[in-house]
Amino acid sequence: MTPRIKICGLRDVATAQRLAALGADAIGLVFYEPSPRNVSINLAHEIAAAMPPFVSTVGLFVDADPSLVEGVLRTVPLDLLQFHGDESPEYCRSFGRPYIKAVRVKPDLDLLEFADRYADARGLLCDAYSAAAPGGTGERFDWSLLPVGLPLPMILSGGLNAANVTEAVERVQPWAVDVSSGVESSKGVKDALLVKQFVAAVRAARFDPASAGL
């Protein structure tokens, strides 16, 4: 087994299909207007509908008005919600859908306490903290800040690319990895060769499913 691979920030059908064929287990659709990877609801519907079996479609939101999330859910067949802002546990569970909660890792943050607050989440996505943006910055954080025994499956994000993801998997032993800018030729434009190299680097890593809680 190897960690699951999520590629976030897809913006067209052809690229999403190509990346699924290259080995992505999940794709992320961003519903956050300030992001260069933001997609419209209609385009997101087209992308999600084009995904092959067993490739999950994840919708990413950042402190969104509930009406936006509900509007997306009426049109786009999402498998999982990803909340990347300061959403409360009550907010996250209010849509009645499986969700993952992103957390921007800082030295003064108690990740075990954070995971306990979101105990019904399907996983905890650990990303780099940046004052500039809630995600997709390409910045890496100090992996030693991640505690042993996190009670939720961990999705590692933040500054990952083909050059460092093998090391990341071997050191952190995450349940999944999430990449966006690390496989782009420019902001919002995914590069098939970089994706292929990234997938190969994940699969080359020494991975212990028991360490990841599998």
Protein backbone atom coordinates (compact mmCIF):
# COMPACT_ATOMS: atom_id res chain seq x y z
CA MET A 1 0.00 0.00 0.00
CA THR A 2 0.97 3.63 -0.47
CA PRO A 3 -0.59 6.84 0.87
CA ARG A 4 -3.58 8.10 -1.02
CA ILE A 5 -2.88 11.01 -3.36
CA LYS A 6 -5.13 14.07 -3.66
CA ILE A 7 -4.43 16.73 -6.26
CA CYS A 8 -6.18 19.98 -5.49
CA GLY A 9 -7.22 22.94 -7.61
CA LEU A 10 -8.44 21.32 -10.83
CA ARG A 11 -10.01 23.71 -13.33
CA ASP A 12 -10.88 21.74 -16.46
CA VAL A 13 -12.28 18.35 -17.39
CA ALA A 14 -9.44 17.13 -19.59
CA THR A 15 -6.76 17.80 -16.97
CA ALA A 16 -8.81 16.16 -14.22
CA GLN A 17 -9.27 13.03 -16.35
CA ARG A 18 -5.58 12.97 -17.21
CA LEU A 19 -4.50 13.25 -13.58
CA ALA A 20 -6.91 10.52 -12.52
CA ALA A 21 -5.34 8.27 -15.17
CA LEU A 22 -1.88 9.13 -13.81
CA GLY A 23 -2.80 7.88 -10.34
CA ALA A 24 -4.68 10.54 -8.40
CA ASP A 25 -7.02 8.96 -5.85
CA ALA A 26 -8.89 12.23 -5.32
CA ILE A 27 -9.19 15.63 -6.94
CA GLY A 28 -9.96 18.90 -5.19
CA LEU A 29 -12.29 21.60 -6.49
CA VAL A 30 -11.81 25.03 -4.93
CA PHE A 31 -14.86 27.16 -4.14
CA TYR A 32 -13.02 30.22 -2.82
CA GLU A 33 -13.11 33.29 -5.05
CA PRO A 34 -9.75 34.84 -4.05
CA SER A 35 -7.94 31.68 -5.14
CA PRO A 36 -6.48 31.45 -8.66
CA ARG A 37 -7.82 27.87 -8.62
CA ASN A 38 -11.42 28.87 -7.95
CA VAL A 39 -14.04 27.13 -10.13
CA SER A 40 -17.64 27.94 -10.92
CA ILE A 41 -20.37 25.58 -9.81
CA ASN A 42 -21.20 24.64 -13.41
CA LEU A 43 -17.58 23.84 -14.28
CA ALA A 44 -17.19 21.88 -11.06
CA HIS A 45 -20.23 19.82 -12.01
CA GLU A 46 -18.67 18.98 -15.38
CA ILE A 47 -15.37 17.95 -13.79
CA ALA A 48 -16.97 15.84 -11.06
CA ALA A 49 -19.26 14.11 -13.53
CA ALA A 50 -16.26 13.16 -15.69
CA MET A 51 -14.37 11.36 -12.93
CA PRO A 52 -13.94 7.58 -13.26
CA PRO A 53 -15.06 5.14 -10.55
CA PHE A 54 -13.12 5.18 -7.26
CA VAL A 55 -11.65 8.65 -7.80
CA SER A 56 -13.11 10.89 -5.11
CA THR A 57 -14.18 14.47 -5.68
CA VAL A 58 -13.51 16.89 -2.82
CA GLY A 59 -14.96 20.39 -2.52
CA LEU A 60 -12.78 22.96 -0.71
CA PHE A 61 -14.37 25.88 1.13
CA VAL A 62 -12.90 28.69 3.25
CA ASP A 63 -15.25 30.20 5.83
CA ALA A 64 -18.01 30.06 3.25
CA ASP A 65 -21.55 31.25 3.81
CA PRO A 66 -23.64 28.10 4.32
CA SER A 67 -25.75 29.04 1.30
CA LEU A 68 -22.68 28.66 -0.94
CA VAL A 69 -21.94 25.17 0.34
CA GLU A 70 -25.57 24.18 0.01
CA GLY A 71 -25.72 25.58 -3.52
CA VAL A 72 -22.67 23.60 -4.55
CA LEU A 73 -24.06 20.43 -3.02
CA ARG A 74 -27.29 20.79 -4.98
CA THR A 75 -25.36 20.72 -8.27
CA VAL A 76 -21.97 19.07 -7.81
CA PRO A 77 -21.70 15.36 -6.83
CA LEU A 78 -19.04 15.83 -4.16
CA ASP A 79 -17.83 12.84 -2.17
CA LEU A 80 -16.20 14.86 0.59
CA LEU A 81 -16.14 18.41 1.93
CA GLN A 82 -12.88 20.09 2.93
CA PHE A 83 -13.03 23.08 5.25
CA HIS A 84 -9.91 25.21 5.11
CA GLY A 85 -10.79 28.19 7.30
CA ASP A 86 -11.82 28.79 10.90
CA GLU A 87 -15.02 26.76 10.65
CA SER A 88 -16.37 25.37 13.91
CA PRO A 89 -17.07 21.64 14.36
CA GLU A 90 -20.79 22.47 14.43
CA TYR A 91 -20.54 24.25 11.09
CA CYS A 92 -18.57 21.42 9.49
CA ARG A 93 -21.08 18.76 10.45
CA SER A 94 -24.16 20.88 9.69
CA PHE A 95 -24.24 19.84 6.02
CA GLY A 96 -24.68 16.15 6.80
CA ARG A 97 -21.77 15.15 4.55
CA PRO A 98 -18.41 13.53 5.29
CA TYR A 99 -15.74 16.18 5.76
CA ILE A 100 -12.08 16.73 6.42
CA LYS A 101 -10.77 19.69 8.40
CA ALA A 102 -7.65 21.54 7.39
CA VAL A 103 -5.35 22.94 10.04
CA ARG A 104 -2.46 25.32 9.45
CA VAL A 105 0.31 24.00 11.66
CA LYS A 106 2.11 26.37 14.03
CA PRO A 107 4.42 25.67 17.01
CA ASP A 108 1.86 26.90 19.56
CA LEU A 109 -1.03 24.79 18.23
CA ASP A 110 -2.07 21.65 20.12
CA LEU A 111 -2.92 19.30 17.26
CA LEU A 112 -4.20 16.55 19.57
CA GLU A 113 -6.70 18.95 21.13
CA PHE A 114 -7.63 20.25 17.67
CA ALA A 115 -8.29 16.71 16.44
CA ASP A 116 -10.47 16.02 19.47
CA ARG A 117 -12.61 19.05 18.63
CA TYR A 118 -13.24 17.67 15.13
CA ALA A 119 -13.57 14.05 16.20
CA ASP A 120 -16.25 13.27 13.59
CA ALA A 121 -14.07 14.45 10.69
CA ARG A 122 -12.86 11.80 8.25
CA GLY A 123 -9.35 13.18 8.47
CA LEU A 124 -7.16 16.10 9.45
CA LEU A 125 -5.33 17.91 6.64
CA CYS A 126 -2.12 19.41 8.02
CA ASP A 127 -0.94 22.39 5.98
CA ALA A 128 1.64 25.14 6.37
CA TYR A 129 0.64 28.30 8.17
CA SER A 130 0.83 31.48 6.10
CA ALA A 131 -0.58 34.89 6.85
CA ALA A 132 -0.89 35.48 3.11
CA ALA A 133 -3.40 32.76 2.19
CA PRO A 134 -5.32 29.84 3.73
CA GLY A 135 -3.59 27.29 1.48
CA GLY A 136 -1.92 26.60 -1.83
CA THR A 137 1.10 28.75 -0.98
CA GLY A 138 3.74 26.13 -1.74
CA GLU A 139 5.23 26.60 1.71
CA ARG A 140 6.42 23.67 3.80
CA PHE A 141 6.12 23.44 7.58
CA ASP A 142 8.25 21.73 10.22
CA TRP A 143 7.07 18.10 10.14
CA SER A 144 8.49 17.53 13.63
CA LEU A 145 5.52 19.55 14.95
CA LEU A 146 3.22 16.66 14.07
CA PRO A 147 2.47 14.58 17.16
CA VAL A 148 2.54 10.81 17.43
CA GLY A 149 -0.85 9.20 17.94
CA LEU A 150 -3.07 11.68 16.13
CA PRO A 151 -6.58 10.20 16.52
CA LEU A 152 -7.65 11.03 12.96
CA PRO A 153 -6.16 9.93 9.63
CA MET A 154 -3.59 12.55 8.65
CA ILE A 155 -3.43 14.15 5.21
CA LEU A 156 -0.08 15.85 4.75
CA SER A 157 0.01 19.05 2.69
CA GLY A 158 2.12 22.17 2.36
CA GLY A 159 5.03 22.59 -0.01
CA LEU A 160 5.06 19.02 -1.28
CA ASN A 161 6.55 18.17 -4.67
CA ALA A 162 8.27 15.27 -6.41
CA ALA A 163 11.62 16.21 -4.88
CA ASN A 164 10.51 16.00 -1.23
CA VAL A 165 7.40 13.84 -1.02
CA THR A 166 9.30 10.55 -0.66
CA GLU A 167 11.08 11.94 2.39
CA ALA A 168 7.80 13.39 3.68
CA VAL A 169 6.01 10.04 3.48
CA GLU A 170 8.87 8.16 5.13
CA ARG A 171 9.19 10.65 7.99
CA VAL A 172 5.53 11.42 8.64
CA GLN A 173 3.78 8.22 7.47
CA PRO A 174 0.57 10.07 6.53
CA TRP A 175 -2.62 8.36 5.45
CA ALA A 176 -2.66 10.62 2.37
CA VAL A 177 -0.78 13.47 0.72
CA ASP A 178 -2.31 16.56 -0.84
CA VAL A 179 -0.59 18.64 -3.50
CA SER A 180 -1.50 21.68 -5.56
CA SER A 181 1.20 24.23 -6.41
CA GLY A 182 3.91 21.55 -6.30
CA VAL A 183 2.61 20.04 -9.55
CA GLU A 184 1.88 23.27 -11.42
CA SER A 185 3.70 24.95 -14.29
CA SER A 186 2.01 28.22 -13.27
CA LYS A 187 -0.67 29.15 -10.75
CA GLY A 188 -3.72 27.01 -11.35
CA VAL A 189 -2.19 25.12 -14.28
CA LYS A 190 -1.37 21.48 -13.50
CA ASP A 191 1.58 19.88 -15.30
CA ALA A 192 1.06 16.22 -16.24
CA LEU A 193 4.78 15.43 -16.09
CA LEU A 194 5.11 16.91 -12.60
CA VAL A 195 2.07 14.89 -11.50
CA LYS A 196 3.57 11.72 -12.94
CA GLN A 197 6.83 12.37 -11.09
CA PHE A 198 4.96 13.16 -7.88
CA VAL A 199 2.93 9.93 -8.02
CA ALA A 200 6.08 7.90 -8.70
CA ALA A 201 7.85 9.55 -5.74
CA VAL A 202 4.94 8.73 -3.40
CA ARG A 203 4.92 5.12 -4.55
CA ALA A 204 8.70 4.85 -4.08
CA ALA A 205 8.50 5.74 -0.39
CA ARG A 206 8.78 3.19 2.41
CA PHE A 207 5.30 3.22 3.91
CA ASP A 208 3.91 1.31 6.88
CA PRO A 209 0.08 1.26 6.80
CA ALA A 210 -0.02 0.48 10.52
CA SER A 211 1.86 3.71 11.26
CA ALA A 212 -0.76 5.64 9.29
CA GLY A 213 -3.58 4.01 11.24
CA LEU A 214 -4.73 1.78 8.37
